[in-house]
Structures are given as C-alpha cells and as structure tokens.
C-alpha atoms as a PDB file:
ATOM      1  CA  MET A   1      23.616  -8.957  26.651  1.00  0.00           C
ATOM      2  CA  SER A   2      22.708  -6.906  23.596  1.00  0.00           C
ATOM      3  CA  TYR A   3      19.410  -8.330  22.377  1.00  0.00           C
ATOM      4  CA  ASP A   4      19.359  -6.319  19.159  1.00  0.00           C
ATOM      5  CA  ARG A   5      22.464  -8.025  17.723  1.00  0.00           C
ATOM      6  CA  ALA A   6      20.999 -11.520  17.229  1.00  0.00           C
ATOM      7  CA  ILE A   7      17.821 -11.912  15.198  1.00  0.00           C
ATOM      8  CA  THR A   8      16.755 -15.171  16.868  1.00  0.00           C
ATOM      9  CA  VAL A   9      17.053 -13.989  20.501  1.00  0.00           C
ATOM     10  CA  PHE A  10      14.057 -12.518  22.313  1.00  0.00           C
ATOM     11  CA  SER A  11      14.539  -9.554  24.627  1.00  0.00           C
ATOM     12  CA  PRO A  12      13.381 -10.012  28.252  1.00  0.00           C
ATOM     13  CA  ASP A  13      10.077  -8.261  27.470  1.00  0.00           C
ATOM     14  CA  GLY A  14       9.344 -10.647  24.580  1.00  0.00           C
ATOM     15  CA  HIS A  15      10.383  -8.586  21.555  1.00  0.00           C
ATOM     16  CA  LEU A  16      12.501  -9.405  18.514  1.00  0.00           C
ATOM     17  CA  LEU A  17      14.256  -6.077  18.221  1.00  0.00           C
ATOM     18  CA  GLN A  18      15.497  -6.651  14.668  1.00  0.00           C
ATOM     19  CA  VAL A  19      11.874  -7.052  13.536  1.00  0.00           C
ATOM     20  CA  GLU A  20      10.952  -3.803  15.271  1.00  0.00           C
ATOM     21  CA  TYR A  21      13.861  -2.043  13.576  1.00  0.00           C
ATOM     22  CA  SER A  22      12.561  -3.254  10.203  1.00  0.00           C
ATOM     23  CA  MET A  23       9.136  -1.833  11.056  1.00  0.00           C
ATOM     24  CA  GLU A  24      10.822   1.481  11.807  1.00  0.00           C
ATOM     25  CA  ALA A  25      12.320   1.353   8.306  1.00  0.00           C
ATOM     26  CA  VAL A  26       8.761   1.029   6.982  1.00  0.00           C
ATOM     27  CA  ARG A  27       7.605   4.021   9.045  1.00  0.00           C
ATOM     28  CA  ARG A  28      10.404   6.086   7.504  1.00  0.00           C
ATOM     29  CA  GLY A  29       9.289   5.104   4.009  1.00  0.00           C
ATOM     30  CA  SER A  30       6.717   6.579   1.655  1.00  0.00           C
ATOM     31  CA  THR A  31       3.026   6.483   2.510  1.00  0.00           C
ATOM     32  CA  VAL A  32       0.905   3.854   0.752  1.00  0.00           C
ATOM     33  CA  VAL A  33      -2.911   3.974   0.792  1.00  0.00           C
ATOM     34  CA  GLY A  34      -5.266   1.198  -0.285  1.00  0.00           C
ATOM     35  CA  VAL A  35      -9.049   1.523  -0.591  1.00  0.00           C
ATOM     36  CA  GLN A  36     -11.432  -1.263  -1.605  1.00  0.00           C
ATOM     37  CA  GLY A  37     -14.637  -0.289  -3.384  1.00  0.00           C
ATOM     38  CA  LYS A  38     -17.631  -2.146  -4.708  1.00  0.00           C
ATOM     39  CA  ASP A  39     -15.887  -3.363  -7.863  1.00  0.00           C
ATOM     40  CA  CYS A  40     -12.319  -2.104  -7.537  1.00  0.00           C
ATOM     41  CA  VAL A  41      -9.299  -1.550  -5.321  1.00  0.00           C
ATOM     42  CA  VAL A  42      -7.301   1.685  -5.479  1.00  0.00           C
ATOM     43  CA  LEU A  43      -3.608   1.789  -4.541  1.00  0.00           C
ATOM     44  CA  ALA A  44      -2.077   5.233  -4.063  1.00  0.00           C
ATOM     45  CA  VAL A  45       1.521   5.972  -3.078  1.00  0.00           C
ATOM     46  CA  GLU A  46       3.516   9.038  -2.173  1.00  0.00           C
ATOM     47  CA  LYS A  47       6.350   9.584  -4.644  1.00  0.00           C
ATOM     48  CA  LYS A  48       9.524  11.072  -3.225  1.00  0.00           C
ATOM     49  CA  ALA A  49      11.249  13.839  -5.155  1.00  0.00           C
ATOM     50  CA  ILE A  50      13.782  12.483  -7.638  1.00  0.00           C
ATOM     51  CA  ALA A  51      16.949  14.020  -9.024  1.00  0.00           C
ATOM     52  CA  LYS A  52      16.549  16.275 -12.050  1.00  0.00           C
ATOM     53  CA  LEU A  53      18.615  13.989 -14.279  1.00  0.00           C
ATOM     54  CA  GLN A  54      17.096  10.729 -13.011  1.00  0.00           C
ATOM     55  CA  ASP A  55      14.668   8.676 -15.100  1.00  0.00           C
ATOM     56  CA  ALA A  56      11.416   8.587 -13.121  1.00  0.00           C
ATOM     57  CA  ARG A  57      10.359   5.297 -14.749  1.00  0.00           C
ATOM     58  CA  THR A  58      13.059   3.425 -12.824  1.00  0.00           C
ATOM     59  CA  ILE A  59      11.601   4.465  -9.455  1.00  0.00           C
ATOM     60  CA  ARG A  60       8.219   2.814  -8.987  1.00  0.00           C
ATOM     61  CA  LYS A  61       6.355   2.006  -5.792  1.00  0.00           C
ATOM     62  CA  ILE A  62       3.478   0.212  -7.538  1.00  0.00           C
ATOM     63  CA  VAL A  63       4.425  -2.908  -9.507  1.00  0.00           C
ATOM     64  CA  SER A  64       2.645  -5.807 -11.190  1.00  0.00           C
ATOM     65  CA  VAL A  65       3.196  -9.165  -9.523  1.00  0.00           C
ATOM     66  CA  ASP A  66       0.972 -11.175 -11.821  1.00  0.00           C
ATOM     67  CA  GLU A  67      -1.541 -10.578 -14.593  1.00  0.00           C
ATOM     68  CA  ARG A  68      -4.269  -9.838 -12.044  1.00  0.00           C
ATOM     69  CA  THR A  69      -2.318  -8.781  -8.947  1.00  0.00           C
ATOM     70  CA  VAL A  70      -0.599  -5.478  -8.105  1.00  0.00           C
ATOM     71  CA  LEU A  71       1.685  -4.677  -5.167  1.00  0.00           C
ATOM     72  CA  ALA A  72       2.491  -1.316  -3.564  1.00  0.00           C
ATOM     73  CA  PHE A  73       5.193  -1.148  -0.893  1.00  0.00           C
ATOM     74  CA  ALA A  74       6.634   1.098   1.772  1.00  0.00           C
ATOM     75  CA  GLY A  75      10.169   0.745   3.099  1.00  0.00           C
ATOM     76  CA  LEU A  76      13.475  -0.244   1.565  1.00  0.00           C
ATOM     77  CA  THR A  77      13.301  -0.382  -2.239  1.00  0.00           C
ATOM     78  CA  ALA A  78      16.168  -2.889  -2.550  1.00  0.00           C
ATOM     79  CA  ASP A  79      14.452  -5.305  -0.138  1.00  0.00           C
ATOM     80  CA  ALA A  80      11.181  -4.877  -2.023  1.00  0.00           C
ATOM     81  CA  ARG A  81      12.845  -5.755  -5.322  1.00  0.00           C
ATOM     82  CA  VAL A  82      14.058  -9.094  -3.915  1.00  0.00           C
ATOM     83  CA  LEU A  83      10.632  -9.910  -2.462  1.00  0.00           C
ATOM     84  CA  ILE A  84       8.825  -8.952  -5.668  1.00  0.00           C
ATOM     85  CA  ASN A  85      11.068 -11.221  -7.730  1.00  0.00           C
ATOM     86  CA  LYS A  86      10.402 -14.130  -5.359  1.00  0.00           C
ATOM     87  CA  VAL A  87       6.649 -13.574  -5.527  1.00  0.00           C
ATOM     88  CA  ARG A  88       6.658 -13.295  -9.321  1.00  0.00           C
ATOM     89  CA  VAL A  89       8.459 -16.627  -9.640  1.00  0.00           C
ATOM     90  CA  GLU A  90       5.986 -18.243  -7.230  1.00  0.00           C
ATOM     91  CA  ALA A  91       3.031 -16.850  -9.206  1.00  0.00           C
ATOM     92  CA  GLN A  92       4.403 -18.344 -12.425  1.00  0.00           C
ATOM     93  CA  SER A  93       5.094 -21.665 -10.693  1.00  0.00           C
ATOM     94  CA  TYR A  94       1.521 -21.753  -9.383  1.00  0.00           C
ATOM     95  CA  ARG A  95       0.153 -21.130 -12.881  1.00  0.00           C
ATOM     96  CA  LEU A  96       2.365 -23.862 -14.337  1.00  0.00           C
ATOM     97  CA  THR A  97       1.335 -26.385 -11.683  1.00  0.00           C
ATOM     98  CA  MET A  98      -2.348 -25.538 -11.180  1.00  0.00           C
ATOM     99  CA  GLU A  99      -3.115 -24.209 -14.692  1.00  0.00           C
ATOM    100  CA  ASP A 100      -4.920 -21.274 -13.107  1.00  0.00           C
ATOM    101  CA  ASP A 101      -4.162 -17.747 -11.937  1.00  0.00           C
ATOM    102  CA  PRO A 102      -3.074 -17.435  -8.289  1.00  0.00           C
ATOM    103  CA  SER A 103      -5.506 -15.519  -6.103  1.00  0.00           C
ATOM    104  CA  VAL A 104      -4.431 -12.428  -4.196  1.00  0.00           C
ATOM    105  CA  ASP A 105      -4.950 -14.383  -0.969  1.00  0.00           C
ATOM    106  CA  TYR A 106      -2.470 -17.056  -2.087  1.00  0.00           C
ATOM    107  CA  ILE A 107       0.115 -14.459  -3.099  1.00  0.00           C
ATOM    108  CA  GLY A 108      -0.366 -12.594   0.184  1.00  0.00           C
ATOM    109  CA  ARG A 109       0.129 -15.760   2.227  1.00  0.00           C
ATOM    110  CA  TYR A 110       3.250 -16.674   0.265  1.00  0.00           C
ATOM    111  CA  LEU A 111       4.728 -13.188   0.657  1.00  0.00           C
ATOM    112  CA  ALA A 112       4.036 -13.194   4.403  1.00  0.00           C
ATOM    113  CA  ARG A 113       5.599 -16.663   4.741  1.00  0.00           C
ATOM    114  CA  VAL A 114       8.820 -15.506   3.071  1.00  0.00           C
ATOM    115  CA  GLN A 115       8.991 -12.434   5.303  1.00  0.00           C
ATOM    116  CA  GLN A 116       8.397 -14.533   8.420  1.00  0.00           C
ATOM    117  CA  GLN A 117      11.161 -16.977   7.488  1.00  0.00           C
ATOM    118  CA  TYR A 118      13.632 -14.103   7.555  1.00  0.00           C
ATOM    119  CA  THR A 119      12.749 -13.355  11.192  1.00  0.00           C
ATOM    120  CA  GLN A 120      13.921 -16.741  12.520  1.00  0.00           C
ATOM    121  CA  GLN A 121      17.178 -17.533  10.706  1.00  0.00           C
ATOM    122  CA  GLY A 122      20.700 -16.632  11.646  1.00  0.00           C
ATOM    123  CA  GLY A 123      22.848 -14.837   9.094  1.00  0.00           C
ATOM    124  CA  VAL A 124      19.944 -12.886   7.570  1.00  0.00           C
ATOM    125  CA  ARG A 125      17.838  -9.912   8.591  1.00  0.00           C
ATOM    126  CA  PRO A 126      14.110  -9.157   8.217  1.00  0.00           C
ATOM    127  CA  PHE A 127      12.882  -7.406   5.090  1.00  0.00           C
ATOM    128  CA  GLY A 128      12.304  -3.722   5.802  1.00  0.00           C
ATOM    129  CA  VAL A 129       9.156  -3.729   3.674  1.00  0.00           C
ATOM    130  CA  ALA A 130       5.403  -3.588   4.248  1.00  0.00           C
ATOM    131  CA  SER A 131       3.099  -4.058   1.286  1.00  0.00           C
ATOM    132  CA  LEU A 132      -0.473  -3.671   0.132  1.00  0.00           C
ATOM    133  CA  LEU A 133      -1.624  -6.268  -2.402  1.00  0.00           C
ATOM    134  CA  ALA A 134      -4.617  -5.791  -4.683  1.00  0.00           C
ATOM    135  CA  GLY A 135      -5.965  -8.520  -6.912  1.00  0.00           C
ATOM    136  CA  VAL A 136      -8.885 -10.815  -7.629  1.00  0.00           C
ATOM    137  CA  ALA A 137     -10.350 -13.101  -4.996  1.00  0.00           C
ATOM    138  CA  GLY A 138     -10.330 -16.279  -7.061  1.00  0.00           C
ATOM    139  CA  ASP A 139     -12.995 -17.941  -4.860  1.00  0.00           C
ATOM    140  CA  GLN A 140     -16.195 -19.543  -6.075  1.00  0.00           C
ATOM    141  CA  SER A 141     -18.575 -16.938  -4.651  1.00  0.00           C
ATOM    142  CA  ASP A 142     -17.182 -14.033  -6.692  1.00  0.00           C
ATOM    143  CA  PRO A 143     -13.933 -15.001  -8.442  1.00  0.00           C
ATOM    144  CA  ASP A 144     -13.435 -11.667 -10.215  1.00  0.00           C
ATOM    145  CA  LYS A 145     -13.922  -9.376  -7.217  1.00  0.00           C
ATOM    146  CA  PRO A 146     -10.798  -7.354  -6.299  1.00  0.00           C
ATOM    147  CA  LEU A 147      -9.594  -7.564  -2.678  1.00  0.00           C
ATOM    148  CA  LEU A 148      -6.999  -5.748  -0.567  1.00  0.00           C
ATOM    149  CA  TYR A 149      -4.375  -7.487   1.594  1.00  0.00           C
ATOM    150  CA  GLN A 150      -1.514  -6.240   3.763  1.00  0.00           C
ATOM    151  CA  THR A 151       1.772  -7.866   4.784  1.00  0.00           C
ATOM    152  CA  ASP A 152       4.395  -6.543   7.202  1.00  0.00           C
ATOM    153  CA  PRO A 153       8.037  -7.331   8.166  1.00  0.00           C
ATOM    154  CA  ALA A 154       6.927  -9.680  10.955  1.00  0.00           C
ATOM    155  CA  GLY A 155       5.299 -11.976   8.401  1.00  0.00           C
ATOM    156  CA  THR A 156       1.624 -11.373   9.170  1.00  0.00           C
ATOM    157  CA  HIS A 157      -0.942 -10.933   6.418  1.00  0.00           C
ATOM    158  CA  SER A 158      -4.501  -9.688   6.699  1.00  0.00           C
ATOM    159  CA  ARG A 159      -7.369  -8.489   4.547  1.00  0.00           C
ATOM    160  CA  TRP A 160      -8.574  -4.886   4.727  1.00  0.00           C
ATOM    161  CA  LYS A 161     -11.279  -2.621   3.340  1.00  0.00           C
ATOM    162  CA  ALA A 162      -8.958   0.395   3.580  1.00  0.00           C
ATOM    163  CA  GLN A 163      -5.437   0.620   4.985  1.00  0.00           C
ATOM    164  CA  VAL A 164      -2.351   2.834   5.220  1.00  0.00           C
ATOM    165  CA  VAL A 165       1.230   1.594   5.572  1.00  0.00           C
ATOM    166  CA  GLY A 166       4.451   3.584   5.791  1.00  0.00           C
ATOM    167  CA  GLY A 167       5.025   7.185   6.729  1.00  0.00           C
ATOM    168  CA  ARG A 168       5.031   8.925  10.074  1.00  0.00           C
ATOM    169  CA  ASN A 169       1.338   9.864   9.796  1.00  0.00           C
ATOM    170  CA  ALA A 170       0.010   6.359   9.113  1.00  0.00           C
ATOM    171  CA  LYS A 171      -2.019   6.258  12.336  1.00  0.00           C
ATOM    172  CA  SER A 172      -3.788   9.585  11.727  1.00  0.00           C
ATOM    173  CA  LEU A 173      -4.454   8.676   8.082  1.00  0.00           C
ATOM    174  CA  ARG A 174      -5.936   5.352   9.195  1.00  0.00           C
ATOM    175  CA  GLU A 175      -8.260   7.240  11.522  1.00  0.00           C
ATOM    176  CA  PHE A 176      -9.206   9.517   8.620  1.00  0.00           C
ATOM    177  CA  LEU A 177     -10.087   6.494   6.468  1.00  0.00           C
ATOM    178  CA  GLU A 178     -12.143   5.003   9.299  1.00  0.00           C
ATOM    179  CA  LYS A 179     -14.262   8.163   9.408  1.00  0.00           C
ATOM    180  CA  GLN A 180     -14.639   8.600   5.645  1.00  0.00           C
ATOM    181  CA  TYR A 181     -14.961   4.996   4.452  1.00  0.00           C
ATOM    182  CA  HIS A 182     -18.312   3.343   3.794  1.00  0.00           C
ATOM    183  CA  GLU A 183     -19.422   0.204   1.980  1.00  0.00           C
ATOM    184  CA  ASP A 184     -20.005   0.037  -1.792  1.00  0.00           C
ATOM    185  CA  LEU A 185     -17.766   2.946  -2.795  1.00  0.00           C
ATOM    186  CA  THR A 186     -17.634   3.615  -6.540  1.00  0.00           C
ATOM    187  CA  GLU A 187     -14.324   3.743  -8.388  1.00  0.00           C
ATOM    188  CA  GLU A 188     -14.396   7.548  -8.504  1.00  0.00           C
ATOM    189  CA  ALA A 189     -15.130   7.735  -4.779  1.00  0.00           C
ATOM    190  CA  CYS A 190     -12.262   5.339  -3.973  1.00  0.00           C
ATOM    191  CA  VAL A 191      -9.795   7.385  -6.037  1.00  0.00           C
ATOM    192  CA  ARG A 192     -10.978  10.581  -4.390  1.00  0.00           C
ATOM    193  CA  LEU A 193     -10.699   9.122  -0.879  1.00  0.00           C
ATOM    194  CA  ALA A 194      -7.164   7.821  -1.550  1.00  0.00           C
ATOM    195  CA  ILE A 195      -6.103  11.227  -2.903  1.00  0.00           C
ATOM    196  CA  GLN A 196      -7.651  12.998   0.091  1.00  0.00           C
ATOM    197  CA  ALA A 197      -5.611  10.789   2.415  1.00  0.00           C
ATOM    198  CA  LEU A 198      -2.358  11.440   0.524  1.00  0.00           C
ATOM    199  CA  LEU A 199      -2.989  15.191   0.509  1.00  0.00           C
ATOM    200  CA  GLU A 200      -2.549  15.067   4.275  1.00  0.00           C
ATOM    201  CA  VAL A 201       1.133  14.144   3.818  1.00  0.00           C
ATOM    202  CA  VAL A 202       2.275  15.427   0.399  1.00  0.00           C
ATOM    203  CA  ASP A 203       3.149  19.008  -0.513  1.00  0.00           C
ATOM    204  CA  SER A 204       3.210  19.105  -4.304  1.00  0.00           C
ATOM    205  CA  GLY A 205      -0.168  17.595  -5.091  1.00  0.00           C
ATOM    206  CA  ALA A 206      -0.471  15.377  -8.165  1.00  0.00           C
ATOM    207  CA  LYS A 207       3.270  15.475  -8.927  1.00  0.00           C
ATOM    208  CA  THR A 208       4.040  13.412  -5.839  1.00  0.00           C
ATOM    209  CA  MET A 209       1.290  10.802  -6.244  1.00  0.00           C
ATOM    210  CA  GLU A 210       1.107   7.532  -8.141  1.00  0.00           C
ATOM    211  CA  ILE A 211      -2.292   5.841  -8.356  1.00  0.00           C
ATOM    212  CA  CYS A 212      -3.397   2.523  -9.813  1.00  0.00           C
ATOM    213  CA  VAL A 213      -6.925   1.097  -9.975  1.00  0.00           C
ATOM    214  CA  ILE A 214      -7.486  -2.671 -10.056  1.00  0.00           C
ATOM    215  CA  GLN A 215     -10.919  -3.245 -11.527  1.00  0.00           C
ATOM    216  CA  ARG A 216     -13.158  -6.308 -11.546  1.00  0.00           C
ATOM    217  CA  GLY A 217     -11.436  -9.191 -13.267  1.00  0.00           C
ATOM    218  CA  GLY A 218      -7.962  -7.866 -12.442  1.00  0.00           C
ATOM    219  CA  LYS A 219      -7.780  -5.130 -15.070  1.00  0.00           C
ATOM    220  CA  LYS A 220      -5.201  -2.489 -14.081  1.00  0.00           C
ATOM    221  CA  VAL A 221      -5.637   1.198 -14.878  1.00  0.00           C
ATOM    222  CA  ASN A 222      -2.972   3.787 -14.038  1.00  0.00           C
ATOM    223  CA  ILE A 223      -4.423   7.216 -13.277  1.00  0.00           C
ATOM    224  CA  SER A 224      -2.611   9.945 -15.203  1.00  0.00           C
ATOM    225  CA  GLU A 225      -1.108  12.976 -13.503  1.00  0.00           C
ATOM    226  CA  ALA A 226      -3.634  15.228 -15.254  1.00  0.00           C
ATOM    227  CA  GLN A 227      -6.557  13.220 -13.863  1.00  0.00           C
ATOM    228  CA  VAL A 228      -5.062  13.266 -10.380  1.00  0.00           C
ATOM    229  CA  ASP A 229      -4.448  17.006 -10.632  1.00  0.00           C
ATOM    230  CA  ALA A 230      -8.108  17.607 -11.552  1.00  0.00           C
ATOM    231  CA  VAL A 231      -9.274  15.723  -8.442  1.00  0.00           C
ATOM    232  CA  VAL A 232      -6.728  17.538  -6.262  1.00  0.00           C
ATOM    233  CA  LYS A 233      -7.943  20.943  -7.480  1.00  0.00           C
ATOM    234  CA  GLU A 234     -11.551  19.940  -6.852  1.00  0.00           C
ATOM    235  CA  ILE A 235     -10.751  18.840  -3.286  1.00  0.00           C
ATOM    236  CA  GLU A 236      -8.736  22.000  -2.580  1.00  0.00           C
ATOM    237  CA  ALA A 237     -11.559  24.175  -3.945  1.00  0.00           C
ATOM    238  CA  GLU A 238     -14.046  22.482  -1.623  1.00  0.00           C
ATOM    239  CA  GLN A 239     -11.707  22.958   1.332  1.00  0.00           C
ATOM    240  CA  GLN A 240     -11.336  26.661   0.544  1.00  0.00           C
ATOM    241  CA  GLU A 241     -15.108  26.982   0.279  1.00  0.00           C
ATOM    242  CA  GLU A 242     -15.566  25.325   3.669  1.00  0.00           C
ATOM    243  CA  LYS A 243     -12.986  27.665   5.208  1.00  0.00           C
ATOM    244  CA  GLY A 244     -14.842  30.611   3.716  1.00  0.00           C
ATOM    245  CA  ARG A 245     -18.094  29.432   5.231  1.00  0.00           C
ATOM    246  CA  GLY A 246     -16.430  29.004   8.604  1.00  0.00           C
ATOM    247  CA  THR A 247     -14.931  32.494   8.467  1.00  0.00           C
ATOM    248  CA  GLY A 248     -18.257  33.981   7.426  1.00  0.00           C
ATOM    249  CA  ALA A 249     -20.108  32.214  10.218  1.00  0.00           C
ATOM    250  CA  ALA A 250     -17.532  33.408  12.793  1.00  0.00           C
ATOM    251  CA  ALA A 251     -17.806  37.007  11.552  1.00  0.00           C
ATOM    252  CA  THR A 252     -21.623  36.891  11.741  1.00  0.00           C
ATOM    253  CA  SER A 253     -21.602  35.594  15.291  1.00  0.00           C
END
C-alpha cells in the first residue's frame, strides 16, 4: 500500500507522510527569523530575487493580520494567502463579538487549528506553510507586551523568544540564535541579531531582506533598505576586523 497517497492513513512507523511533505515545502521556502526583545518583536525574512519587470510590492512575506498582529511565513505563497485571509476574517469576527482586539495567542491558536484540520480530512491536503506571529499579549499582567509565536503544517503552535522557520539552514541558524540571544534585548540589538542570522543565508545583503518591528502596544515599523544596509555594513566591517586580528595573531605566533 502507498501510504503517501491518502492523507488520513498512517504509515506503519506512525507518520502522516503528506504532513511531512508539507514540512519539506517549508524547508524549501525562504528563511524567516523572529527575535523577541524587552519591548519589541523583530520579524526578518529572506526575499527571493524577483523578475526585473515585476512589481516588488505584490510579493510580500510579512503581512498584517490585525491592527496589532503581524505574520511572516515560509513555504507556499498561495497557501499562505488562503490562511491569511481566514485569520483576518476570524480577527474581525472576534472584535465584533468581544469588542476587543484579539491577542496574538488567540490568533496563533486559531491558525494552528485550521492547519490541523487540513491534516485529517479527505479531499484536501495540508497547508505547506509555517509562520511566525508577532503581536501583543493581551493578558492582564502586561497587555501591551509583544510576543512571538510559531505555527507549522502539522497544526502545532508554540511561543518562542527567538526562532527560525524555513530554509535549508534553519537548524544551524537556530543554534546561532541560541548562542547569541539573551534576555532584555533592546530594539536595536534585536534588529542586529535578526540581520546577523539572515546574513548567514543571503548573498546580496540588504536587498534581499525585509524587516518589520512590532513595538509595545502593537505599533508596526518597517525598517527601510537604507537602515538595513547600514547595519549590514557595520556587521561586515566588524567581521573583517576580527579576521584581520586572527591573521595578525597567526602571523605573530
């Protein structure tokens, strides 16, 4: 029996192969980095090269879901568009019913529930999309604090301090974030750390990066290419200086 033909049939070793294929679609997608700081969350994505005659504004990997929630995704853009539309409608329905803004935790749970439903029905396939959500907590302890959540094609959702989804180098970039991350990062430090992680996978520097900062209260700030380029040049200059020191030390010894 071919266990990868039917979505609702487990393989003998306990896997849903269609779900694993959708995760492979995510791994083949663009890299997405999320870093939570003291009063902000930074989402940074790798932008693929576009055709010379194509309008770059129509290809976006970071989108607004609600007034105080932003989503960045890796995987199939068409699948992401469908999911984003569903989540936007749910966010508006929540506001109409509850007369309050939905928290990022609520939106993350709803998004994960929709993705999970598509892993157990015949006639459909899983969404080939993993996402990082950034938005305000909405709880009583600190309602305006931005948080970072992740969802994946299997329908799980979890909260993170820093995370990478998509791309072949996601595991090594996650290890890099584990070494570099510390509590109470400032906004500038979060942006710098996200750019450092993306520089491990991109070739053209600022031209292939898109960065958005979600500040306390849900305010969204898009970092311009010029600002990103300045940080990239600073990081590259420091790396060259470190290489020079290493070469000098080796020559002295």
